[in-house]
Amino acid sequence: MGSLKGKTTRTEPSKEVLNTCNKLPAGILEEHGDVNLAVDIMYINEIPFFMTTPGAIHFGMVELIKNEKISTIMVVLGQVIEAYEVRGFKIQHILSDRQFKHARNI
């Protein structure tokens, strides 16, 4: 044991992130293809996160945001909408509180 101590090195783990997107179960898009998306900003230890929750499919998404400017929020919202549309969902309505009223006309 003494002769091995300090001579063995730890192999560095792979930095590759696997992104596997499984296909949706049959019938999900027919039943829940049109989505009403609820959005809000949540704080954890004073760090803002953009949260979205679709109505019927119960799948939440959370995205770290650096600030609450409308430009930042619209970029993140566009990314979220794109993620749903890639999988075949269609966003019908976006539900929010008064905090997002300045984004209504954009």
N, C-alpha and C. Protein backbone atom coordinates (compact mmCIF):
# COMPACT_ATOMS: atom_id res chain seq x y z
N MET A 1 0.81 -1.19 0.00
CA MET A 1 0.00 0.00 0.00
C MET A 1 0.86 1.26 0.00
N GLY A 2 1.89 1.25 0.81
CA GLY A 2 2.73 2.43 0.92
C GLY A 2 3.41 2.79 -0.38
N SER A 3 3.75 1.80 -1.18
CA SER A 3 4.43 2.10 -2.45
C SER A 3 3.47 2.66 -3.50
N LEU A 4 2.14 2.41 -3.35
CA LEU A 4 1.16 2.93 -4.30
C LEU A 4 0.68 4.33 -3.95
N LYS A 5 0.81 4.70 -2.70
CA LYS A 5 0.28 5.98 -2.24
C LYS A 5 0.96 7.14 -2.98
N GLY A 6 0.17 7.96 -3.61
CA GLY A 6 0.68 9.11 -4.32
C GLY A 6 1.12 8.84 -5.73
N LYS A 7 1.13 7.59 -6.15
CA LYS A 7 1.59 7.26 -7.50
C LYS A 7 0.44 7.02 -8.47
N THR A 8 -0.74 6.74 -7.94
CA THR A 8 -1.88 6.52 -8.82
C THR A 8 -2.57 7.85 -9.06
N THR A 9 -3.00 8.06 -10.26
CA THR A 9 -3.68 9.30 -10.59
C THR A 9 -5.13 9.01 -10.95
N ARG A 10 -5.95 9.98 -10.69
CA ARG A 10 -7.36 9.88 -11.01
C ARG A 10 -7.56 10.26 -12.47
N THR A 11 -8.30 9.45 -13.20
CA THR A 11 -8.58 9.79 -14.59
C THR A 11 -9.68 10.84 -14.61
N GLU A 12 -9.51 11.82 -15.46
CA GLU A 12 -10.47 12.91 -15.56
C GLU A 12 -11.73 12.41 -16.27
N PRO A 13 -12.91 12.71 -15.71
CA PRO A 13 -14.15 12.25 -16.35
C PRO A 13 -14.38 12.98 -17.68
N SER A 14 -15.14 12.37 -18.53
CA SER A 14 -15.48 12.96 -19.82
C SER A 14 -16.31 14.21 -19.62
N LYS A 15 -16.04 15.25 -20.39
CA LYS A 15 -16.79 16.51 -20.28
C LYS A 15 -17.93 16.56 -21.28
N GLU A 16 -18.16 15.46 -21.96
CA GLU A 16 -19.22 15.40 -22.94
C GLU A 16 -20.57 15.25 -22.26
N VAL A 17 -21.52 16.05 -22.67
CA VAL A 17 -22.88 15.97 -22.14
C VAL A 17 -23.74 15.28 -23.17
N LEU A 18 -24.39 14.23 -22.75
CA LEU A 18 -25.26 13.50 -23.66
C LEU A 18 -26.64 14.14 -23.65
N ASN A 19 -27.13 14.48 -24.81
CA ASN A 19 -28.45 15.07 -24.93
C ASN A 19 -29.31 14.09 -25.71
N THR A 20 -30.08 13.32 -24.98
CA THR A 20 -30.95 12.35 -25.64
C THR A 20 -32.39 12.85 -25.53
N CYS A 21 -33.01 12.96 -26.63
CA CYS A 21 -34.40 13.41 -26.68
C CYS A 21 -35.25 12.22 -27.09
N ASN A 22 -35.95 11.67 -26.12
CA ASN A 22 -36.80 10.52 -26.40
C ASN A 22 -38.07 10.98 -27.10
N LYS A 23 -38.62 10.11 -27.91
CA LYS A 23 -39.86 10.43 -28.60
C LYS A 23 -41.00 10.45 -27.59
N LEU A 24 -41.99 11.28 -27.88
CA LEU A 24 -43.14 11.38 -26.99
C LEU A 24 -44.00 10.13 -27.11
N PRO A 25 -44.63 9.73 -26.02
CA PRO A 25 -45.55 8.60 -26.09
C PRO A 25 -46.70 8.88 -27.06
N ALA A 26 -47.19 7.84 -27.66
CA ALA A 26 -48.29 7.99 -28.62
C ALA A 26 -49.51 8.61 -27.95
N GLY A 27 -50.14 9.52 -28.64
CA GLY A 27 -51.36 10.14 -28.12
C GLY A 27 -51.15 11.43 -27.35
N ILE A 28 -49.94 11.72 -26.93
CA ILE A 28 -49.69 12.95 -26.15
C ILE A 28 -49.96 14.19 -27.00
N LEU A 29 -49.43 14.20 -28.22
CA LEU A 29 -49.63 15.38 -29.07
C LEU A 29 -51.08 15.54 -29.49
N GLU A 30 -51.78 14.44 -29.71
CA GLU A 30 -53.20 14.56 -30.08
C GLU A 30 -54.03 15.13 -28.93
N GLU A 31 -53.71 14.67 -27.72
CA GLU A 31 -54.48 15.11 -26.55
C GLU A 31 -54.04 16.46 -26.02
N HIS A 32 -52.73 16.70 -26.00
CA HIS A 32 -52.20 17.90 -25.34
C HIS A 32 -51.28 18.70 -26.25
N GLY A 33 -51.50 18.69 -27.54
CA GLY A 33 -50.64 19.38 -28.48
C GLY A 33 -50.71 20.89 -28.39
N ASP A 34 -51.89 21.43 -28.04
CA ASP A 34 -52.05 22.87 -27.87
C ASP A 34 -51.78 23.20 -26.41
N VAL A 35 -50.81 24.09 -26.16
CA VAL A 35 -50.33 24.33 -24.81
C VAL A 35 -50.60 25.77 -24.39
N ASN A 36 -51.12 25.94 -23.18
CA ASN A 36 -51.19 27.24 -22.52
C ASN A 36 -50.03 27.29 -21.54
N LEU A 37 -49.12 28.23 -21.74
CA LEU A 37 -47.88 28.29 -20.99
C LEU A 37 -47.96 29.37 -19.92
N ALA A 38 -47.77 29.00 -18.66
CA ALA A 38 -47.72 29.97 -17.56
C ALA A 38 -46.26 30.32 -17.29
N VAL A 39 -45.95 31.62 -17.20
CA VAL A 39 -44.57 32.06 -16.98
C VAL A 39 -44.50 32.97 -15.76
N ASP A 40 -43.36 32.93 -15.08
CA ASP A 40 -43.12 33.80 -13.93
C ASP A 40 -41.63 33.82 -13.63
N ILE A 41 -41.23 34.74 -12.79
CA ILE A 41 -39.85 34.81 -12.33
C ILE A 41 -39.82 34.41 -10.87
N MET A 42 -38.92 33.49 -10.54
CA MET A 42 -38.77 32.98 -9.18
C MET A 42 -37.36 33.32 -8.71
N TYR A 43 -37.23 33.62 -7.44
CA TYR A 43 -35.92 33.94 -6.88
C TYR A 43 -35.49 32.85 -5.91
N ILE A 44 -34.25 32.43 -6.04
CA ILE A 44 -33.64 31.52 -5.08
C ILE A 44 -32.35 32.19 -4.64
N ASN A 45 -32.26 32.52 -3.36
CA ASN A 45 -31.11 33.25 -2.84
C ASN A 45 -30.83 34.51 -3.64
N GLU A 46 -31.89 35.25 -3.97
CA GLU A 46 -31.83 36.50 -4.72
C GLU A 46 -31.32 36.35 -6.15
N ILE A 47 -31.31 35.13 -6.67
CA ILE A 47 -30.91 34.88 -8.05
C ILE A 47 -32.19 34.63 -8.85
N PRO A 48 -32.42 35.40 -9.94
CA PRO A 48 -33.68 35.23 -10.69
C PRO A 48 -33.64 34.04 -11.64
N PHE A 49 -34.75 33.33 -11.69
CA PHE A 49 -34.95 32.21 -12.61
C PHE A 49 -36.26 32.42 -13.35
N PHE A 50 -36.27 32.15 -14.63
CA PHE A 50 -37.46 32.24 -15.45
C PHE A 50 -38.12 30.86 -15.46
N MET A 51 -39.34 30.78 -14.96
CA MET A 51 -40.04 29.50 -14.85
C MET A 51 -41.21 29.43 -15.81
N THR A 52 -41.38 28.29 -16.42
CA THR A 52 -42.54 28.07 -17.28
C THR A 52 -43.19 26.74 -16.92
N THR A 53 -44.51 26.72 -16.98
CA THR A 53 -45.27 25.50 -16.72
C THR A 53 -46.41 25.42 -17.71
N PRO A 54 -46.46 24.36 -18.52
CA PRO A 54 -47.61 24.18 -19.40
C PRO A 54 -48.77 23.57 -18.63
N GLY A 55 -49.97 23.86 -19.09
CA GLY A 55 -51.14 23.43 -18.35
C GLY A 55 -51.29 21.94 -18.12
N ALA A 56 -51.54 21.18 -19.14
CA ALA A 56 -51.97 19.80 -18.97
C ALA A 56 -50.85 18.78 -18.92
N ILE A 57 -49.67 19.09 -19.44
CA ILE A 57 -48.65 18.06 -19.51
C ILE A 57 -47.73 18.03 -18.30
N HIS A 58 -47.84 19.00 -17.40
CA HIS A 58 -47.10 19.00 -16.13
C HIS A 58 -45.60 18.83 -16.32
N PHE A 59 -45.02 19.69 -17.15
CA PHE A 59 -43.60 19.66 -17.40
C PHE A 59 -43.08 21.09 -17.23
N GLY A 60 -42.33 21.33 -16.19
CA GLY A 60 -41.82 22.66 -15.93
C GLY A 60 -40.43 22.85 -16.49
N MET A 61 -40.14 24.07 -16.91
CA MET A 61 -38.80 24.42 -17.37
C MET A 61 -38.33 25.62 -16.55
N VAL A 62 -37.06 25.61 -16.17
CA VAL A 62 -36.48 26.70 -15.39
C VAL A 62 -35.20 27.14 -16.08
N GLU A 63 -35.04 28.45 -16.22
CA GLU A 63 -33.87 29.00 -16.91
C GLU A 63 -33.30 30.13 -16.05
N LEU A 64 -32.02 30.07 -15.79
CA LEU A 64 -31.33 31.14 -15.06
C LEU A 64 -31.27 32.37 -15.95
N ILE A 65 -31.64 33.54 -15.39
CA ILE A 65 -31.55 34.78 -16.14
C ILE A 65 -30.64 35.75 -15.39
N LYS A 66 -29.91 36.58 -16.14
CA LYS A 66 -28.97 37.49 -15.50
C LYS A 66 -29.64 38.76 -15.00
N ASN A 67 -30.77 39.13 -15.60
CA ASN A 67 -31.51 40.32 -15.16
C ASN A 67 -32.96 40.18 -15.61
N GLU A 68 -33.78 41.15 -15.25
CA GLU A 68 -35.20 41.10 -15.58
C GLU A 68 -35.58 42.05 -16.69
N LYS A 69 -34.63 42.44 -17.51
CA LYS A 69 -34.93 43.33 -18.63
C LYS A 69 -35.79 42.59 -19.64
N ILE A 70 -36.62 43.37 -20.35
CA ILE A 70 -37.54 42.76 -21.30
C ILE A 70 -36.78 42.02 -22.41
N SER A 71 -35.62 42.55 -22.80
CA SER A 71 -34.85 41.88 -23.86
C SER A 71 -34.38 40.50 -23.40
N THR A 72 -33.94 40.39 -22.16
CA THR A 72 -33.50 39.10 -21.62
C THR A 72 -34.66 38.13 -21.53
N ILE A 73 -35.77 38.61 -21.03
CA ILE A 73 -36.96 37.76 -20.87
C ILE A 73 -37.46 37.26 -22.22
N MET A 74 -37.45 38.12 -23.24
CA MET A 74 -37.94 37.71 -24.55
C MET A 74 -37.01 36.68 -25.20
N VAL A 75 -35.71 36.80 -24.98
CA VAL A 75 -34.77 35.80 -25.52
C VAL A 75 -35.03 34.44 -24.88
N VAL A 76 -35.16 34.42 -23.56
CA VAL A 76 -35.40 33.16 -22.84
C VAL A 76 -36.75 32.58 -23.23
N LEU A 77 -37.76 33.43 -23.33
CA LEU A 77 -39.09 32.95 -23.73
C LEU A 77 -39.06 32.35 -25.14
N GLY A 78 -38.31 32.97 -26.02
CA GLY A 78 -38.17 32.42 -27.37
C GLY A 78 -37.51 31.05 -27.36
N GLN A 79 -36.52 30.86 -26.50
CA GLN A 79 -35.85 29.56 -26.39
C GLN A 79 -36.81 28.50 -25.86
N VAL A 80 -37.63 28.87 -24.89
CA VAL A 80 -38.60 27.93 -24.32
C VAL A 80 -39.64 27.54 -25.36
N ILE A 81 -40.16 28.53 -26.08
CA ILE A 81 -41.15 28.25 -27.11
C ILE A 81 -40.56 27.34 -28.19
N GLU A 82 -39.33 27.60 -28.58
CA GLU A 82 -38.67 26.76 -29.57
C GLU A 82 -38.51 25.32 -29.08
N ALA A 83 -38.20 25.15 -27.79
CA ALA A 83 -38.06 23.80 -27.24
C ALA A 83 -39.37 23.03 -27.32
N TYR A 84 -40.49 23.70 -27.08
CA TYR A 84 -41.79 23.03 -27.19
C TYR A 84 -42.13 22.73 -28.65
N GLU A 85 -41.88 23.70 -29.54
CA GLU A 85 -42.24 23.52 -30.94
C GLU A 85 -41.41 22.44 -31.62
N VAL A 86 -40.16 22.28 -31.22
CA VAL A 86 -39.32 21.22 -31.79
C VAL A 86 -39.93 19.86 -31.50
N ARG A 87 -40.57 19.72 -30.36
CA ARG A 87 -41.18 18.44 -29.99
C ARG A 87 -42.60 18.29 -30.49
N GLY A 88 -43.11 19.30 -31.21
CA GLY A 88 -44.42 19.18 -31.84
C GLY A 88 -45.55 19.90 -31.12
N PHE A 89 -45.29 20.54 -30.00
CA PHE A 89 -46.33 21.28 -29.28
C PHE A 89 -46.52 22.65 -29.91
N LYS A 90 -47.73 23.20 -29.76
CA LYS A 90 -48.04 24.54 -30.25
C LYS A 90 -48.47 25.40 -29.06
N ILE A 91 -47.77 26.50 -28.84
CA ILE A 91 -48.11 27.41 -27.75
C ILE A 91 -49.30 28.26 -28.20
N GLN A 92 -50.43 28.13 -27.52
CA GLN A 92 -51.63 28.88 -27.85
C GLN A 92 -51.69 30.21 -27.11
N HIS A 93 -51.43 30.16 -25.79
CA HIS A 93 -51.51 31.36 -24.95
C HIS A 93 -50.35 31.34 -23.96
N ILE A 94 -49.90 32.53 -23.59
CA ILE A 94 -48.90 32.67 -22.54
C ILE A 94 -49.54 33.44 -21.40
N LEU A 95 -49.60 32.81 -20.25
CA LEU A 95 -50.24 33.38 -19.07
C LEU A 95 -49.18 33.93 -18.13
N SER A 96 -49.39 35.17 -17.66
CA SER A 96 -48.41 35.78 -16.76
C SER A 96 -49.11 36.77 -15.84
N ASP A 97 -48.35 37.29 -14.89
CA ASP A 97 -48.89 38.31 -14.01
C ASP A 97 -48.54 39.70 -14.56
N ARG A 98 -48.83 40.74 -13.77
CA ARG A 98 -48.61 42.11 -14.24
C ARG A 98 -47.15 42.47 -14.44
N GLN A 99 -46.27 41.68 -13.92
CA GLN A 99 -44.84 41.93 -14.07
C GLN A 99 -44.43 41.91 -15.55
N PHE A 100 -45.17 41.20 -16.38
CA PHE A 100 -44.85 41.05 -17.79
C PHE A 100 -45.71 41.91 -18.69
N LYS A 101 -46.44 42.88 -18.14
CA LYS A 101 -47.36 43.68 -18.97
C LYS A 101 -46.63 44.48 -20.04
N HIS A 102 -45.38 44.88 -19.80
CA HIS A 102 -44.63 45.64 -20.80
C HIS A 102 -44.21 44.77 -21.98
N ALA A 103 -44.29 43.45 -21.84
CA ALA A 103 -43.92 42.53 -22.93
C ALA A 103 -45.14 42.16 -23.78
N ARG A 104 -46.29 42.59 -23.40
CA ARG A 104 -47.52 42.19 -24.09
C ARG A 104 -47.55 42.60 -25.56
N ASN A 105 -47.06 43.77 -25.86
CA ASN A 105 -47.17 44.30 -27.23
C ASN A 105 -45.98 43.96 -28.11
N ILE A 106 -45.03 43.20 -27.58
CA ILE A 106 -43.84 42.88 -28.37
C ILE A 106 -44.06 41.62 -29.17
